[in-house]
């Protein structure tokens, strides 16, 4: 999400500080303010746009140890990017054993199959 939400790292710093081992998880007023700011951005900014076949679109992939995320993005005439489609899935135990490059390659094959109607135009 950090690619599509302005100042995303700043918006979630109230949460990321609670994830450190040496800091006890206590929901305080600061955490609530960060939560409210993030909720405002997520509910008021349009997150998905319809696809316009006149402009280029891109597929961004990200793989971690446990899941793979995909975002289909389109650039418009002002070269600003709009999200068209989000997709995320958890990896199976067998898939988790693969190398990072193998996870991405496997996901590319699945995504081409899933988005063939966009790619084959």
N, C-alpha and C. Protein backbone atom coordinates (compact mmCIF):
# COMPACT_ATOMS: atom_id res chain seq x y z
N UNK A 1 0.82 -1.20 0.00
CA UNK A 1 0.00 0.00 0.00
C UNK A 1 0.86 1.26 0.00
N UNK A 2 2.08 1.15 0.47
CA UNK A 2 2.88 2.37 0.56
C UNK A 2 3.13 3.01 -0.80
N UNK A 3 3.00 2.27 -1.88
CA UNK A 3 3.19 2.83 -3.21
C UNK A 3 2.00 3.71 -3.61
N UNK A 4 0.84 3.52 -2.98
CA UNK A 4 -0.38 4.18 -3.44
C UNK A 4 -1.00 5.14 -2.43
N UNK A 5 -0.45 5.17 -1.22
CA UNK A 5 -0.95 6.09 -0.21
C UNK A 5 0.17 7.04 0.16
N UNK A 6 -0.07 8.31 -0.02
CA UNK A 6 0.93 9.33 0.28
C UNK A 6 1.23 9.32 1.78
N UNK A 7 2.51 9.32 2.12
CA UNK A 7 2.99 9.30 3.51
C UNK A 7 2.49 8.08 4.28
N UNK A 8 2.43 6.95 3.62
CA UNK A 8 1.95 5.72 4.26
C UNK A 8 2.81 5.34 5.47
N UNK A 9 4.12 5.43 5.34
CA UNK A 9 5.00 5.06 6.46
C UNK A 9 4.73 5.95 7.67
N UNK A 10 4.47 7.21 7.42
CA UNK A 10 4.16 8.12 8.53
C UNK A 10 2.80 7.78 9.16
N UNK A 11 1.85 7.40 8.31
CA UNK A 11 0.52 7.07 8.82
C UNK A 11 0.52 5.83 9.71
N UNK A 12 1.41 4.89 9.43
CA UNK A 12 1.39 3.65 10.20
C UNK A 12 2.45 3.59 11.29
N UNK A 13 3.23 4.66 11.47
CA UNK A 13 4.28 4.60 12.48
C UNK A 13 3.72 4.42 13.89
N UNK A 14 2.50 4.83 14.11
CA UNK A 14 1.88 4.58 15.40
C UNK A 14 1.64 3.10 15.65
N UNK A 15 1.51 2.31 14.57
CA UNK A 15 1.33 0.86 14.70
C UNK A 15 2.67 0.13 14.71
N UNK A 16 3.59 0.57 13.86
CA UNK A 16 4.86 -0.14 13.76
C UNK A 16 5.66 -0.03 15.05
N UNK A 17 5.51 1.03 15.79
CA UNK A 17 6.23 1.12 17.06
C UNK A 17 5.70 0.10 18.06
N UNK A 18 4.46 -0.31 17.93
CA UNK A 18 3.89 -1.31 18.83
C UNK A 18 4.36 -2.73 18.50
N UNK A 19 4.97 -2.92 17.36
CA UNK A 19 5.42 -4.24 16.95
C UNK A 19 6.82 -4.59 17.44
N UNK A 20 7.51 -3.64 18.03
CA UNK A 20 8.85 -3.90 18.54
C UNK A 20 8.77 -4.70 19.84
N UNK A 21 9.73 -5.60 20.01
CA UNK A 21 9.71 -6.50 21.17
C UNK A 21 9.83 -5.76 22.49
N UNK A 22 10.66 -4.73 22.52
CA UNK A 22 10.92 -4.05 23.80
C UNK A 22 9.81 -3.09 24.22
N UNK A 23 8.84 -2.84 23.31
CA UNK A 23 7.74 -1.93 23.64
C UNK A 23 6.48 -2.74 23.89
N UNK A 24 5.85 -2.57 25.05
CA UNK A 24 4.60 -3.30 25.31
C UNK A 24 3.47 -2.77 24.42
N UNK A 25 2.58 -3.68 24.04
CA UNK A 25 1.48 -3.30 23.17
C UNK A 25 0.39 -2.64 24.02
N UNK A 26 0.38 -1.32 23.97
CA UNK A 26 -0.61 -0.53 24.70
C UNK A 26 -1.24 0.44 23.71
N UNK A 27 -2.55 0.31 23.54
CA UNK A 27 -3.28 1.18 22.62
C UNK A 27 -3.56 2.49 23.33
N UNK A 28 -2.83 3.52 22.96
CA UNK A 28 -2.96 4.81 23.61
C UNK A 28 -3.58 5.84 22.66
N UNK A 29 -3.60 7.08 23.09
CA UNK A 29 -4.21 8.14 22.28
C UNK A 29 -3.45 8.36 20.97
N UNK A 30 -2.13 8.24 21.01
CA UNK A 30 -1.33 8.40 19.79
C UNK A 30 -1.67 7.32 18.78
N UNK A 31 -1.80 6.08 19.23
CA UNK A 31 -2.18 4.99 18.33
C UNK A 31 -3.55 5.24 17.72
N UNK A 32 -4.48 5.72 18.52
CA UNK A 32 -5.82 6.00 18.02
C UNK A 32 -5.81 7.11 16.98
N UNK A 33 -4.97 8.15 17.18
CA UNK A 33 -4.88 9.22 16.20
C UNK A 33 -4.33 8.71 14.86
N UNK A 34 -3.29 7.87 14.92
CA UNK A 34 -2.75 7.29 13.69
C UNK A 34 -3.78 6.39 13.01
N UNK A 35 -4.51 5.63 13.81
CA UNK A 35 -5.56 4.76 13.26
C UNK A 35 -6.63 5.59 12.58
N UNK A 36 -7.06 6.66 13.21
CA UNK A 36 -8.09 7.53 12.62
C UNK A 36 -7.59 8.18 11.32
N UNK A 37 -6.33 8.60 11.28
CA UNK A 37 -5.76 9.21 10.07
C UNK A 37 -5.70 8.18 8.94
N UNK A 38 -5.28 6.95 9.24
CA UNK A 38 -5.23 5.90 8.23
C UNK A 38 -6.63 5.54 7.74
N UNK A 39 -7.57 5.46 8.66
CA UNK A 39 -8.96 5.17 8.30
C UNK A 39 -9.52 6.26 7.39
N UNK A 40 -9.19 7.50 7.67
CA UNK A 40 -9.66 8.62 6.85
C UNK A 40 -9.11 8.50 5.42
N UNK A 41 -7.83 8.21 5.29
CA UNK A 41 -7.23 8.09 3.96
C UNK A 41 -7.85 6.93 3.20
N UNK A 42 -8.03 5.80 3.86
CA UNK A 42 -8.56 4.62 3.19
C UNK A 42 -10.03 4.76 2.79
N UNK A 43 -10.78 5.55 3.51
CA UNK A 43 -12.21 5.68 3.21
C UNK A 43 -12.54 6.90 2.34
N UNK A 44 -11.63 7.85 2.21
CA UNK A 44 -11.93 9.06 1.45
C UNK A 44 -11.18 9.18 0.14
N UNK A 45 -10.09 8.48 -0.02
CA UNK A 45 -9.34 8.53 -1.26
C UNK A 45 -9.83 7.40 -2.16
N UNK A 46 -10.16 7.68 -3.41
CA UNK A 46 -10.56 6.57 -4.29
C UNK A 46 -9.39 5.62 -4.52
N UNK A 47 -9.59 4.36 -4.18
CA UNK A 47 -8.51 3.39 -4.27
C UNK A 47 -8.47 2.67 -5.61
N UNK A 48 -9.61 2.41 -6.20
CA UNK A 48 -9.65 1.67 -7.46
C UNK A 48 -10.27 2.52 -8.55
N UNK A 49 -9.72 2.40 -9.75
CA UNK A 49 -10.22 3.12 -10.91
C UNK A 49 -10.59 2.13 -11.99
N UNK A 50 -11.53 2.48 -12.84
CA UNK A 50 -11.82 1.58 -13.97
C UNK A 50 -10.68 1.61 -14.97
N UNK A 51 -10.50 0.52 -15.66
CA UNK A 51 -9.43 0.41 -16.64
C UNK A 51 -9.79 1.19 -17.90
N UNK A 52 -8.84 1.96 -18.39
CA UNK A 52 -8.97 2.68 -19.65
C UNK A 52 -7.98 2.07 -20.62
N UNK A 53 -8.46 1.44 -21.66
CA UNK A 53 -7.59 0.69 -22.57
C UNK A 53 -6.70 1.59 -23.42
N UNK A 54 -6.87 2.90 -23.37
CA UNK A 54 -6.03 3.81 -24.14
C UNK A 54 -4.65 4.01 -23.51
N UNK A 55 -4.53 3.74 -22.22
CA UNK A 55 -3.30 4.02 -21.49
C UNK A 55 -2.60 2.72 -21.10
N UNK A 56 -1.28 2.82 -20.88
CA UNK A 56 -0.50 1.66 -20.46
C UNK A 56 -0.87 1.24 -19.05
N UNK A 57 -0.68 -0.04 -18.78
CA UNK A 57 -0.87 -0.53 -17.42
C UNK A 57 0.26 -1.49 -17.07
N UNK A 58 0.49 -1.63 -15.78
CA UNK A 58 1.63 -2.38 -15.27
C UNK A 58 1.16 -3.32 -14.17
N UNK A 59 1.89 -4.42 -14.01
CA UNK A 59 1.64 -5.35 -12.92
C UNK A 59 2.84 -5.30 -11.98
N UNK A 60 2.60 -4.98 -10.73
CA UNK A 60 3.64 -4.97 -9.71
C UNK A 60 3.46 -6.20 -8.81
N UNK A 61 4.55 -6.90 -8.57
CA UNK A 61 4.53 -8.09 -7.72
C UNK A 61 5.41 -7.87 -6.51
N UNK A 62 5.02 -8.48 -5.40
CA UNK A 62 5.84 -8.50 -4.20
C UNK A 62 5.65 -9.84 -3.52
N UNK A 63 6.75 -10.45 -3.13
CA UNK A 63 6.68 -11.75 -2.46
C UNK A 63 7.40 -11.66 -1.13
N UNK A 64 6.78 -12.21 -0.11
CA UNK A 64 7.43 -12.33 1.19
C UNK A 64 7.55 -13.81 1.50
N UNK A 65 7.90 -14.15 2.72
CA UNK A 65 8.03 -15.56 3.08
C UNK A 65 6.69 -16.28 3.06
N UNK A 66 5.60 -15.56 3.37
CA UNK A 66 4.31 -16.22 3.55
C UNK A 66 3.24 -15.86 2.54
N UNK A 67 3.43 -14.77 1.78
CA UNK A 67 2.38 -14.41 0.83
C UNK A 67 2.95 -13.70 -0.38
N UNK A 68 2.09 -13.54 -1.38
CA UNK A 68 2.44 -12.83 -2.61
C UNK A 68 1.34 -11.82 -2.88
N UNK A 69 1.75 -10.61 -3.23
CA UNK A 69 0.82 -9.53 -3.51
C UNK A 69 1.02 -9.04 -4.93
N UNK A 70 -0.08 -8.60 -5.53
CA UNK A 70 -0.05 -8.08 -6.89
C UNK A 70 -0.91 -6.83 -6.95
N UNK A 71 -0.47 -5.87 -7.76
CA UNK A 71 -1.26 -4.68 -8.01
C UNK A 71 -1.21 -4.40 -9.50
N UNK A 72 -2.37 -4.25 -10.12
CA UNK A 72 -2.46 -3.83 -11.52
C UNK A 72 -2.68 -2.32 -11.50
N UNK A 73 -1.77 -1.59 -12.14
CA UNK A 73 -1.76 -0.13 -12.08
C UNK A 73 -1.78 0.41 -13.49
N UNK A 74 -2.42 1.56 -13.65
CA UNK A 74 -2.48 2.20 -14.96
C UNK A 74 -1.99 3.63 -14.85
N UNK A 75 -1.19 4.03 -15.84
CA UNK A 75 -0.75 5.42 -15.95
C UNK A 75 -1.70 6.17 -16.87
N UNK A 76 -2.05 7.39 -16.49
CA UNK A 76 -2.89 8.20 -17.36
C UNK A 76 -2.03 9.23 -18.09
N UNK A 77 -2.67 10.16 -18.76
CA UNK A 77 -1.96 11.15 -19.57
C UNK A 77 -1.05 12.05 -18.74
N UNK A 78 -1.34 12.24 -17.46
CA UNK A 78 -0.49 13.07 -16.60
C UNK A 78 0.58 12.24 -15.89
N UNK A 79 0.74 10.99 -16.27
CA UNK A 79 1.70 10.04 -15.73
C UNK A 79 1.49 9.83 -14.23
N UNK A 80 0.28 9.98 -13.77
CA UNK A 80 -0.04 9.58 -12.41
C UNK A 80 -0.62 8.18 -12.47
N UNK A 81 -0.36 7.40 -11.43
CA UNK A 81 -0.75 5.99 -11.44
C UNK A 81 -2.03 5.78 -10.64
N UNK A 82 -2.90 4.93 -11.19
CA UNK A 82 -4.16 4.59 -10.55
C UNK A 82 -4.25 3.07 -10.42
N UNK A 83 -4.72 2.63 -9.27
CA UNK A 83 -4.85 1.20 -9.02
C UNK A 83 -6.11 0.69 -9.69
N UNK A 84 -5.96 -0.41 -10.43
CA UNK A 84 -7.07 -1.04 -11.11
C UNK A 84 -7.52 -2.29 -10.34
N UNK A 85 -6.55 -3.02 -9.80
CA UNK A 85 -6.87 -4.33 -9.22
C UNK A 85 -5.83 -4.68 -8.17
N UNK A 86 -6.27 -5.16 -7.02
CA UNK A 86 -5.39 -5.71 -5.99
C UNK A 86 -5.60 -7.22 -5.93
N UNK A 87 -4.55 -7.96 -5.70
CA UNK A 87 -4.69 -9.40 -5.48
C UNK A 87 -3.61 -9.83 -4.50
N UNK A 88 -3.98 -10.68 -3.56
CA UNK A 88 -3.04 -11.17 -2.57
C UNK A 88 -3.43 -12.59 -2.22
N UNK A 89 -2.41 -13.41 -1.94
CA UNK A 89 -2.71 -14.77 -1.52
C UNK A 89 -1.60 -15.29 -0.62
N UNK A 90 -1.98 -16.17 0.27
CA UNK A 90 -1.02 -16.81 1.16
C UNK A 90 -0.40 -18.00 0.45
N UNK A 91 0.86 -18.23 0.72
CA UNK A 91 1.56 -19.36 0.14
C UNK A 91 1.31 -20.61 0.96
N UNK A 92 1.33 -21.75 0.29
CA UNK A 92 1.23 -23.02 1.00
C UNK A 92 2.58 -23.33 1.63
N UNK A 93 2.62 -24.33 2.51
CA UNK A 93 3.88 -24.68 3.18
C UNK A 93 4.94 -25.11 2.17
N UNK A 94 4.53 -25.81 1.14
CA UNK A 94 5.47 -26.25 0.12
C UNK A 94 6.00 -25.05 -0.67
N UNK A 95 5.12 -24.09 -1.03
CA UNK A 95 5.54 -22.91 -1.77
C UNK A 95 6.47 -22.02 -0.95
N UNK A 96 6.32 -22.01 0.37
CA UNK A 96 7.17 -21.20 1.23
C UNK A 96 8.63 -21.65 1.18
N UNK A 97 8.87 -22.89 0.82
CA UNK A 97 10.23 -23.42 0.78
C UNK A 97 10.99 -22.97 -0.46
N UNK A 98 10.28 -22.46 -1.47
CA UNK A 98 10.93 -22.02 -2.70
C UNK A 98 11.74 -20.75 -2.49
N UNK A 99 12.69 -20.53 -3.38
CA UNK A 99 13.47 -19.30 -3.35
C UNK A 99 12.58 -18.12 -3.76
N UNK A 100 13.02 -16.93 -3.41
CA UNK A 100 12.23 -15.72 -3.69
C UNK A 100 11.96 -15.57 -5.19
N UNK A 101 12.95 -15.80 -6.02
CA UNK A 101 12.79 -15.68 -7.47
C UNK A 101 11.79 -16.71 -7.98
N UNK A 102 11.82 -17.92 -7.43
CA UNK A 102 10.88 -18.96 -7.86
C UNK A 102 9.45 -18.58 -7.49
N UNK A 103 9.27 -17.97 -6.31
CA UNK A 103 7.94 -17.52 -5.90
C UNK A 103 7.40 -16.48 -6.89
N UNK A 104 8.25 -15.53 -7.26
CA UNK A 104 7.82 -14.50 -8.20
C UNK A 104 7.54 -15.07 -9.58
N UNK A 105 8.37 -15.99 -10.03
CA UNK A 105 8.16 -16.60 -11.35
C UNK A 105 6.85 -17.39 -11.38
N UNK A 106 6.58 -18.14 -10.34
CA UNK A 106 5.32 -18.88 -10.25
C UNK A 106 4.14 -17.92 -10.25
N UNK A 107 4.28 -16.82 -9.56
CA UNK A 107 3.19 -15.85 -9.50
C UNK A 107 2.98 -15.17 -10.85
N UNK A 108 4.04 -14.90 -11.58
CA UNK A 108 3.90 -14.30 -12.91
C UNK A 108 3.09 -15.21 -13.81
N UNK A 109 3.37 -16.50 -13.77
CA UNK A 109 2.61 -17.45 -14.60
C UNK A 109 1.13 -17.42 -14.21
N UNK A 110 0.83 -17.46 -12.92
CA UNK A 110 -0.57 -17.42 -12.49
C UNK A 110 -1.24 -16.11 -12.85
N UNK A 111 -0.51 -15.00 -12.74
CA UNK A 111 -1.09 -13.70 -13.04
C UNK A 111 -1.36 -13.52 -14.52
N UNK A 112 -0.48 -14.04 -15.36
CA UNK A 112 -0.73 -13.97 -16.81
C UNK A 112 -1.99 -14.76 -17.15
N UNK A 113 -2.18 -15.89 -16.49
CA UNK A 113 -3.39 -16.67 -16.71
C UNK A 113 -4.62 -15.91 -16.21
N UNK A 114 -4.50 -15.27 -15.06
CA UNK A 114 -5.64 -14.55 -14.47
C UNK A 114 -5.98 -13.28 -15.26
N UNK A 115 -4.95 -12.56 -15.71
CA UNK A 115 -5.16 -11.29 -16.40
C UNK A 115 -4.99 -11.39 -17.91
N UNK A 116 -5.18 -12.58 -18.47
CA UNK A 116 -4.99 -12.74 -19.91
C UNK A 116 -5.87 -11.82 -20.74
N UNK A 117 -7.06 -11.48 -20.25
CA UNK A 117 -7.96 -10.59 -21.00
C UNK A 117 -7.41 -9.17 -21.06
N UNK A 118 -6.55 -8.76 -20.12
CA UNK A 118 -5.89 -7.45 -20.21
C UNK A 118 -4.65 -7.52 -21.09
N UNK A 119 -3.90 -8.60 -20.97
CA UNK A 119 -2.61 -8.71 -21.63
C UNK A 119 -2.73 -8.97 -23.12
N UNK A 120 -3.72 -9.75 -23.53
CA UNK A 120 -3.83 -10.18 -24.92
C UNK A 120 -4.56 -9.19 -25.82
N UNK A 121 -4.78 -7.99 -25.36
CA UNK A 121 -5.48 -7.00 -26.20
C UNK A 121 -4.58 -6.46 -27.27
